[in-house]
Amino acid sequence: MAIALKPSIGGFLRPFGCGWFIREFLLGHSPYGAPRINPKTGACQADIFKFYKRALLLQFAEDIAVREEEISADREKRRISPEKIEDRTRYYLEHIPYKLTSCRFHSFVVYFSNLQRLQWVEFTDSPLLNHRSLGLPRLTSA
C-alpha cells in the first residue's frame, strides 16, 4: 500500500530554521530584513530573538497574503497583483498574533545554550557591557 508523502494542511511549519537565522544574523548577512550587525561585536540573545520573531511574523504574513491573492486571482480569472499582496501583507502584520509563531524566549535560550555547548557561538567582549558587572555577554558565530 502506497502512502502519499505530501504534508497535510495546517501543522507546525517554519519558513526558515532558527539555527540558520542565528548563523546568518551573527555573520552580518541581515537575513529577512534584520539589521546588519558587525560580526566581530555580535549581538545579545534578546536582540537575536526579537529579530527572529519579527522575521517569522513577516514570512507568515507574506505567505498568507500570497496564498490569498493566488486563490482570488484564480477565482476571478485575472493576473496576480503585487500591490494587493503588499496591502494584505501589511494587514496581516498588524493582525497576526505575536504568539502565532510558537517560539518562546525560553525555548530560544535553551536552543542557544545547545549552540554554545557545541561551540558554534562564542562570547565576545563588548565595550558596552564592560562597564557593568551584570549583563548578558554578546555572542558571535564561531
N, C-alpha and C. Protein backbone atom coordinates (compact mmCIF):
# COMPACT_ATOMS: atom_id res chain seq x y z
N MET A 1 0.84 -1.18 0.00
CA MET A 1 0.00 0.00 0.00
C MET A 1 0.89 1.25 0.00
N ALA A 2 0.64 2.16 -0.90
CA ALA A 2 1.43 3.38 -1.02
C ALA A 2 0.86 4.46 -0.12
N ILE A 3 1.75 5.23 0.49
CA ILE A 3 1.35 6.34 1.35
C ILE A 3 1.83 7.63 0.69
N ALA A 4 0.93 8.60 0.58
CA ALA A 4 1.30 9.88 -0.03
C ALA A 4 2.29 10.61 0.88
N LEU A 5 3.30 11.21 0.28
CA LEU A 5 4.32 11.91 1.04
C LEU A 5 4.11 13.41 1.05
N LYS A 6 2.92 13.86 0.83
CA LYS A 6 2.67 15.30 0.88
C LYS A 6 2.21 15.68 2.29
N PRO A 7 2.55 16.89 2.73
CA PRO A 7 2.14 17.30 4.07
C PRO A 7 0.65 17.57 4.13
N SER A 8 0.07 17.36 5.28
CA SER A 8 -1.34 17.67 5.46
C SER A 8 -1.50 19.18 5.60
N ILE A 9 -2.69 19.67 5.40
CA ILE A 9 -2.95 21.10 5.51
C ILE A 9 -2.86 21.48 6.98
N GLY A 10 -2.20 22.61 7.25
CA GLY A 10 -2.02 23.05 8.62
C GLY A 10 -0.75 22.47 9.19
N GLY A 11 -0.65 22.46 10.49
CA GLY A 11 0.53 21.89 11.13
C GLY A 11 1.53 22.94 11.54
N PHE A 12 2.64 22.49 12.02
CA PHE A 12 3.68 23.35 12.57
C PHE A 12 4.75 23.54 11.52
N LEU A 13 4.70 24.63 10.79
CA LEU A 13 5.65 24.88 9.71
C LEU A 13 6.52 26.08 10.03
N ARG A 14 7.73 26.07 9.55
CA ARG A 14 8.64 27.19 9.69
C ARG A 14 9.15 27.56 8.31
N PRO A 15 9.10 28.85 7.97
CA PRO A 15 9.62 29.26 6.66
C PRO A 15 11.14 29.16 6.58
N PHE A 16 11.82 29.21 7.72
CA PHE A 16 13.27 29.05 7.78
C PHE A 16 13.63 28.57 9.17
N GLY A 17 14.81 27.99 9.30
CA GLY A 17 15.23 27.42 10.57
C GLY A 17 15.84 28.45 11.51
N CYS A 18 15.71 28.18 12.79
CA CYS A 18 16.24 29.06 13.82
C CYS A 18 17.77 29.10 13.76
N GLY A 19 18.39 27.94 13.63
CA GLY A 19 19.84 27.88 13.57
C GLY A 19 20.40 28.63 12.38
N TRP A 20 19.74 28.48 11.24
CA TRP A 20 20.18 29.19 10.03
C TRP A 20 20.08 30.69 10.25
N PHE A 21 18.96 31.16 10.84
CA PHE A 21 18.78 32.59 11.08
C PHE A 21 19.86 33.13 12.01
N ILE A 22 20.13 32.40 13.10
CA ILE A 22 21.15 32.84 14.05
C ILE A 22 22.50 32.95 13.36
N ARG A 23 22.85 31.96 12.58
CA ARG A 23 24.14 31.97 11.88
C ARG A 23 24.25 33.15 10.94
N GLU A 24 23.24 33.34 10.11
CA GLU A 24 23.27 34.43 9.14
C GLU A 24 23.28 35.79 9.84
N PHE A 25 22.50 35.92 10.91
CA PHE A 25 22.45 37.18 11.65
C PHE A 25 23.80 37.51 12.27
N LEU A 26 24.43 36.52 12.90
CA LEU A 26 25.71 36.77 13.56
C LEU A 26 26.86 36.95 12.58
N LEU A 27 26.70 36.44 11.37
CA LEU A 27 27.71 36.68 10.33
C LEU A 27 27.54 38.05 9.68
N GLY A 28 26.45 38.75 10.02
CA GLY A 28 26.22 40.09 9.48
C GLY A 28 25.56 40.12 8.13
N HIS A 29 24.86 39.05 7.75
CA HIS A 29 24.23 38.98 6.43
C HIS A 29 22.83 39.57 6.37
N SER A 30 22.28 40.02 7.50
CA SER A 30 20.98 40.69 7.55
C SER A 30 19.85 39.84 6.94
N PRO A 31 19.56 38.65 7.51
CA PRO A 31 18.52 37.80 6.92
C PRO A 31 17.12 38.36 7.14
N TYR A 32 16.30 38.30 6.11
CA TYR A 32 14.90 38.69 6.16
C TYR A 32 14.68 40.07 6.76
N GLY A 33 15.50 41.01 6.38
CA GLY A 33 15.30 42.39 6.80
C GLY A 33 15.81 42.73 8.19
N ALA A 34 16.48 41.81 8.85
CA ALA A 34 17.06 42.11 10.16
C ALA A 34 18.20 43.12 9.96
N PRO A 35 18.50 43.92 10.96
CA PRO A 35 19.58 44.89 10.78
C PRO A 35 20.94 44.20 10.62
N ARG A 36 21.82 44.85 9.90
CA ARG A 36 23.16 44.31 9.70
C ARG A 36 23.99 44.64 10.94
N ILE A 37 24.66 43.61 11.49
CA ILE A 37 25.49 43.82 12.67
C ILE A 37 26.95 43.57 12.31
N ASN A 38 27.83 44.04 13.15
CA ASN A 38 29.25 43.77 12.97
C ASN A 38 29.54 42.38 13.53
N PRO A 39 30.02 41.44 12.73
CA PRO A 39 30.27 40.09 13.21
C PRO A 39 31.29 40.01 14.34
N LYS A 40 32.19 40.99 14.43
CA LYS A 40 33.19 40.96 15.48
C LYS A 40 32.61 41.32 16.85
N THR A 41 31.60 42.20 16.86
CA THR A 41 30.99 42.57 18.15
C THR A 41 29.79 41.70 18.48
N GLY A 42 29.11 41.13 17.48
CA GLY A 42 28.00 40.23 17.73
C GLY A 42 26.75 40.94 18.20
N ALA A 43 25.88 40.20 18.90
CA ALA A 43 24.62 40.74 19.41
C ALA A 43 24.20 39.89 20.60
N CYS A 44 23.35 40.46 21.44
CA CYS A 44 22.89 39.70 22.59
C CYS A 44 21.68 38.83 22.21
N GLN A 45 21.40 37.82 23.03
CA GLN A 45 20.35 36.85 22.72
C GLN A 45 18.98 37.51 22.55
N ALA A 46 18.67 38.48 23.38
CA ALA A 46 17.36 39.12 23.32
C ALA A 46 17.15 39.81 21.97
N ASP A 47 18.20 40.47 21.46
CA ASP A 47 18.09 41.13 20.16
C ASP A 47 17.93 40.10 19.04
N ILE A 48 18.69 39.03 19.10
CA ILE A 48 18.60 37.98 18.08
C ILE A 48 17.19 37.39 18.07
N PHE A 49 16.66 37.12 19.26
CA PHE A 49 15.31 36.56 19.37
C PHE A 49 14.27 37.53 18.81
N LYS A 50 14.40 38.82 19.13
CA LYS A 50 13.44 39.82 18.65
C LYS A 50 13.41 39.86 17.13
N PHE A 51 14.58 39.86 16.51
CA PHE A 51 14.62 39.93 15.05
C PHE A 51 14.19 38.61 14.41
N TYR A 52 14.44 37.50 15.09
CA TYR A 52 13.97 36.19 14.61
C TYR A 52 12.45 36.15 14.60
N LYS A 53 11.83 36.59 15.71
CA LYS A 53 10.36 36.61 15.76
C LYS A 53 9.78 37.56 14.72
N ARG A 54 10.40 38.71 14.54
CA ARG A 54 9.92 39.68 13.56
C ARG A 54 10.00 39.09 12.15
N ALA A 55 11.09 38.39 11.85
CA ALA A 55 11.24 37.77 10.53
C ALA A 55 10.23 36.65 10.33
N LEU A 56 9.97 35.86 11.38
CA LEU A 56 8.96 34.80 11.27
C LEU A 56 7.58 35.39 11.00
N LEU A 57 7.21 36.43 11.73
CA LEU A 57 5.90 37.06 11.52
C LEU A 57 5.79 37.63 10.11
N LEU A 58 6.85 38.24 9.62
CA LEU A 58 6.83 38.79 8.26
C LEU A 58 6.65 37.68 7.23
N GLN A 59 7.34 36.56 7.40
CA GLN A 59 7.21 35.46 6.45
C GLN A 59 5.83 34.82 6.51
N PHE A 60 5.28 34.69 7.71
CA PHE A 60 3.91 34.17 7.83
C PHE A 60 2.93 35.09 7.12
N ALA A 61 3.06 36.41 7.34
CA ALA A 61 2.15 37.37 6.72
C ALA A 61 2.27 37.34 5.20
N GLU A 62 3.49 37.29 4.68
CA GLU A 62 3.69 37.23 3.23
C GLU A 62 3.12 35.95 2.65
N ASP A 63 3.32 34.85 3.33
CA ASP A 63 2.82 33.56 2.85
C ASP A 63 1.29 33.56 2.77
N ILE A 64 0.65 34.05 3.81
CA ILE A 64 -0.82 34.09 3.82
C ILE A 64 -1.32 35.02 2.73
N ALA A 65 -0.68 36.19 2.57
CA ALA A 65 -1.12 37.16 1.57
C ALA A 65 -0.97 36.61 0.15
N VAL A 66 0.13 35.93 -0.12
CA VAL A 66 0.34 35.37 -1.46
C VAL A 66 -0.67 34.27 -1.75
N ARG A 67 -0.90 33.40 -0.78
CA ARG A 67 -1.89 32.33 -1.00
C ARG A 67 -3.28 32.91 -1.25
N GLU A 68 -3.64 33.91 -0.45
CA GLU A 68 -4.96 34.53 -0.61
C GLU A 68 -5.10 35.19 -1.98
N GLU A 69 -4.05 35.89 -2.43
CA GLU A 69 -4.10 36.55 -3.73
C GLU A 69 -4.12 35.54 -4.87
N GLU A 70 -3.40 34.44 -4.74
CA GLU A 70 -3.43 33.41 -5.77
C GLU A 70 -4.83 32.83 -5.92
N ILE A 71 -5.47 32.53 -4.83
CA ILE A 71 -6.82 31.97 -4.87
C ILE A 71 -7.78 32.98 -5.46
N SER A 72 -7.68 34.25 -5.02
CA SER A 72 -8.57 35.29 -5.52
C SER A 72 -8.36 35.53 -7.02
N ALA A 73 -7.11 35.58 -7.46
CA ALA A 73 -6.84 35.81 -8.88
C ALA A 73 -7.31 34.63 -9.73
N ASP A 74 -7.15 33.43 -9.22
CA ASP A 74 -7.60 32.25 -9.95
C ASP A 74 -9.13 32.24 -10.07
N ARG A 75 -9.79 32.61 -8.99
CA ARG A 75 -11.25 32.62 -8.98
C ARG A 75 -11.80 33.68 -9.93
N GLU A 76 -11.13 34.86 -9.98
CA GLU A 76 -11.59 35.96 -10.81
C GLU A 76 -10.98 35.95 -12.21
N LYS A 77 -10.15 34.96 -12.53
CA LYS A 77 -9.51 34.81 -13.85
C LYS A 77 -8.73 36.07 -14.24
N ARG A 78 -7.84 36.50 -13.35
CA ARG A 78 -7.01 37.67 -13.60
C ARG A 78 -5.58 37.38 -13.17
N ARG A 79 -4.70 38.32 -13.46
CA ARG A 79 -3.31 38.17 -13.05
C ARG A 79 -3.16 38.49 -11.56
N ILE A 80 -2.09 37.95 -10.98
CA ILE A 80 -1.79 38.23 -9.58
C ILE A 80 -1.27 39.66 -9.46
N SER A 81 -1.76 40.40 -8.48
CA SER A 81 -1.40 41.79 -8.30
C SER A 81 -0.42 41.94 -7.13
N PRO A 82 0.81 42.37 -7.41
CA PRO A 82 1.77 42.57 -6.31
C PRO A 82 1.32 43.64 -5.32
N GLU A 83 0.58 44.64 -5.79
CA GLU A 83 0.09 45.69 -4.89
C GLU A 83 -0.89 45.13 -3.86
N LYS A 84 -1.76 44.24 -4.33
CA LYS A 84 -2.71 43.62 -3.40
C LYS A 84 -1.99 42.73 -2.39
N ILE A 85 -0.92 42.06 -2.85
CA ILE A 85 -0.15 41.22 -1.93
C ILE A 85 0.51 42.09 -0.86
N GLU A 86 1.05 43.23 -1.25
CA GLU A 86 1.67 44.13 -0.27
C GLU A 86 0.65 44.66 0.72
N ASP A 87 -0.53 45.02 0.23
CA ASP A 87 -1.58 45.52 1.13
C ASP A 87 -2.01 44.45 2.12
N ARG A 88 -2.22 43.23 1.61
CA ARG A 88 -2.64 42.14 2.50
C ARG A 88 -1.52 41.77 3.48
N THR A 89 -0.26 41.87 3.06
CA THR A 89 0.85 41.59 3.97
C THR A 89 0.86 42.59 5.10
N ARG A 90 0.69 43.87 4.79
CA ARG A 90 0.62 44.89 5.84
C ARG A 90 -0.56 44.62 6.78
N TYR A 91 -1.69 44.25 6.20
CA TYR A 91 -2.87 43.95 7.02
C TYR A 91 -2.58 42.79 7.98
N TYR A 92 -2.00 41.71 7.46
CA TYR A 92 -1.74 40.55 8.31
C TYR A 92 -0.65 40.82 9.34
N LEU A 93 0.33 41.66 9.02
CA LEU A 93 1.35 42.01 10.01
C LEU A 93 0.72 42.72 11.21
N GLU A 94 -0.31 43.51 10.95
CA GLU A 94 -0.99 44.21 12.03
C GLU A 94 -1.91 43.29 12.82
N HIS A 95 -2.42 42.23 12.20
CA HIS A 95 -3.44 41.40 12.84
C HIS A 95 -3.00 40.01 13.28
N ILE A 96 -1.81 39.56 12.86
CA ILE A 96 -1.34 38.25 13.28
C ILE A 96 -0.89 38.34 14.74
N PRO A 97 -1.36 37.44 15.59
CA PRO A 97 -0.92 37.46 16.99
C PRO A 97 0.56 37.15 17.12
N TYR A 98 1.21 37.78 18.09
CA TYR A 98 2.64 37.60 18.31
C TYR A 98 2.97 36.15 18.63
N LYS A 99 2.07 35.45 19.30
CA LYS A 99 2.34 34.07 19.71
C LYS A 99 2.03 33.05 18.63
N LEU A 100 1.62 33.47 17.45
CA LEU A 100 1.28 32.54 16.38
C LEU A 100 2.47 31.67 15.99
N THR A 101 3.67 32.24 16.00
CA THR A 101 4.84 31.51 15.51
C THR A 101 5.32 30.44 16.49
N SER A 102 4.75 30.37 17.67
CA SER A 102 5.03 29.32 18.66
C SER A 102 6.50 29.22 19.04
N CYS A 103 7.19 30.31 19.07
CA CYS A 103 8.58 30.34 19.51
C CYS A 103 8.64 31.19 20.77
N ARG A 104 8.92 30.56 21.90
CA ARG A 104 9.00 31.28 23.16
C ARG A 104 10.47 31.57 23.48
N PHE A 105 10.70 32.62 24.25
CA PHE A 105 12.05 33.04 24.57
C PHE A 105 12.80 31.95 25.33
N HIS A 106 12.11 31.24 26.23
CA HIS A 106 12.78 30.18 26.98
C HIS A 106 13.29 29.09 26.04
N SER A 107 12.48 28.68 25.07
CA SER A 107 12.91 27.67 24.10
C SER A 107 14.10 28.17 23.29
N PHE A 108 14.07 29.44 22.96
CA PHE A 108 15.17 30.04 22.20
C PHE A 108 16.45 30.02 23.03
N VAL A 109 16.36 30.35 24.32
CA VAL A 109 17.54 30.35 25.20
C VAL A 109 18.09 28.93 25.35
N VAL A 110 17.21 27.94 25.48
CA VAL A 110 17.66 26.55 25.58
C VAL A 110 18.36 26.14 24.28
N TYR A 111 17.79 26.49 23.14
CA TYR A 111 18.41 26.19 21.86
C TYR A 111 19.77 26.86 21.76
N PHE A 112 19.84 28.11 22.21
CA PHE A 112 21.09 28.85 22.16
C PHE A 112 22.14 28.22 23.06
N SER A 113 21.72 27.72 24.21
CA SER A 113 22.69 27.07 25.11
C SER A 113 23.27 25.81 24.45
N ASN A 114 22.46 25.12 23.66
CA ASN A 114 22.97 23.97 22.90
C ASN A 114 24.01 24.42 21.87
N LEU A 115 23.77 25.54 21.21
CA LEU A 115 24.74 26.07 20.26
C LEU A 115 26.04 26.46 20.96
N GLN A 116 25.91 26.98 22.19
CA GLN A 116 27.12 27.34 22.95
C GLN A 116 27.90 26.09 23.35
N ARG A 117 27.20 25.04 23.77
CA ARG A 117 27.88 23.80 24.15
C ARG A 117 28.59 23.18 22.95
N LEU A 118 28.01 23.32 21.78
CA LEU A 118 28.65 22.82 20.57
C LEU A 118 29.77 23.75 20.08
N GLN A 119 29.90 24.89 20.74
CA GLN A 119 30.89 25.91 20.40
C GLN A 119 30.67 26.48 19.00
N TRP A 120 29.41 26.60 18.63
CA TRP A 120 29.08 27.22 17.35
C TRP A 120 28.90 28.72 17.49
N VAL A 121 28.67 29.19 18.71
CA VAL A 121 28.67 30.61 19.03
C VAL A 121 29.60 30.80 20.21
N GLU A 122 30.18 31.99 20.30
CA GLU A 122 31.11 32.25 21.39
C GLU A 122 30.86 33.66 21.93
N PHE A 123 31.27 33.87 23.17
CA PHE A 123 31.13 35.17 23.79
C PHE A 123 32.17 36.12 23.24
N THR A 124 31.81 37.40 23.17
CA THR A 124 32.77 38.43 22.77
C THR A 124 32.79 39.51 23.83
N ASP A 125 33.88 40.23 23.90
CA ASP A 125 33.96 41.37 24.81
C ASP A 125 33.32 42.56 24.12
N SER A 126 32.47 43.23 24.86
CA SER A 126 31.80 44.39 24.31
C SER A 126 32.08 45.59 25.21
N PRO A 127 32.47 46.71 24.63
CA PRO A 127 32.71 47.90 25.46
C PRO A 127 31.44 48.36 26.17
N LEU A 128 30.28 48.05 25.62
CA LEU A 128 29.03 48.44 26.28
C LEU A 128 28.78 47.64 27.56
N LEU A 129 29.24 46.39 27.59
CA LEU A 129 28.99 45.55 28.74
C LEU A 129 30.14 45.52 29.73
N ASN A 130 31.29 46.08 29.38
CA ASN A 130 32.45 46.05 30.27
C ASN A 130 32.28 46.98 31.46
N HIS A 131 31.45 48.00 31.35
CA HIS A 131 31.33 48.97 32.43
C HIS A 131 30.40 48.50 33.55
N ARG A 132 29.68 47.41 33.36
CA ARG A 132 28.80 46.92 34.42
C ARG A 132 29.05 45.44 34.64
N SER A 133 28.88 45.02 35.86
CA SER A 133 29.17 43.63 36.19
C SER A 133 28.02 42.71 35.79
N LEU A 134 26.78 43.22 35.86
CA LEU A 134 25.63 42.39 35.49
C LEU A 134 25.26 42.66 34.04
N GLY A 135 24.96 41.64 33.33
CA GLY A 135 24.56 41.81 31.95
C GLY A 135 24.93 40.59 31.14
N LEU A 136 24.23 40.39 30.08
CA LEU A 136 24.48 39.25 29.23
C LEU A 136 25.62 39.56 28.27
N PRO A 137 26.57 38.64 28.11
CA PRO A 137 27.62 38.88 27.13
C PRO A 137 27.07 38.76 25.71
N ARG A 138 27.70 39.43 24.80
CA ARG A 138 27.29 39.40 23.40
C ARG A 138 27.85 38.14 22.77
N LEU A 139 27.15 37.60 21.76
CA LEU A 139 27.53 36.35 21.13
C LEU A 139 27.84 36.58 19.66
N THR A 140 28.77 35.81 19.14
CA THR A 140 29.09 35.84 17.72
C THR A 140 29.14 34.43 17.20
N SER A 141 29.15 34.30 15.90
CA SER A 141 29.27 32.98 15.28
C SER A 141 30.72 32.52 15.40
N ALA A 142 30.89 31.24 15.71
CA ALA A 142 32.25 30.71 15.89
C ALA A 142 32.90 30.39 14.56
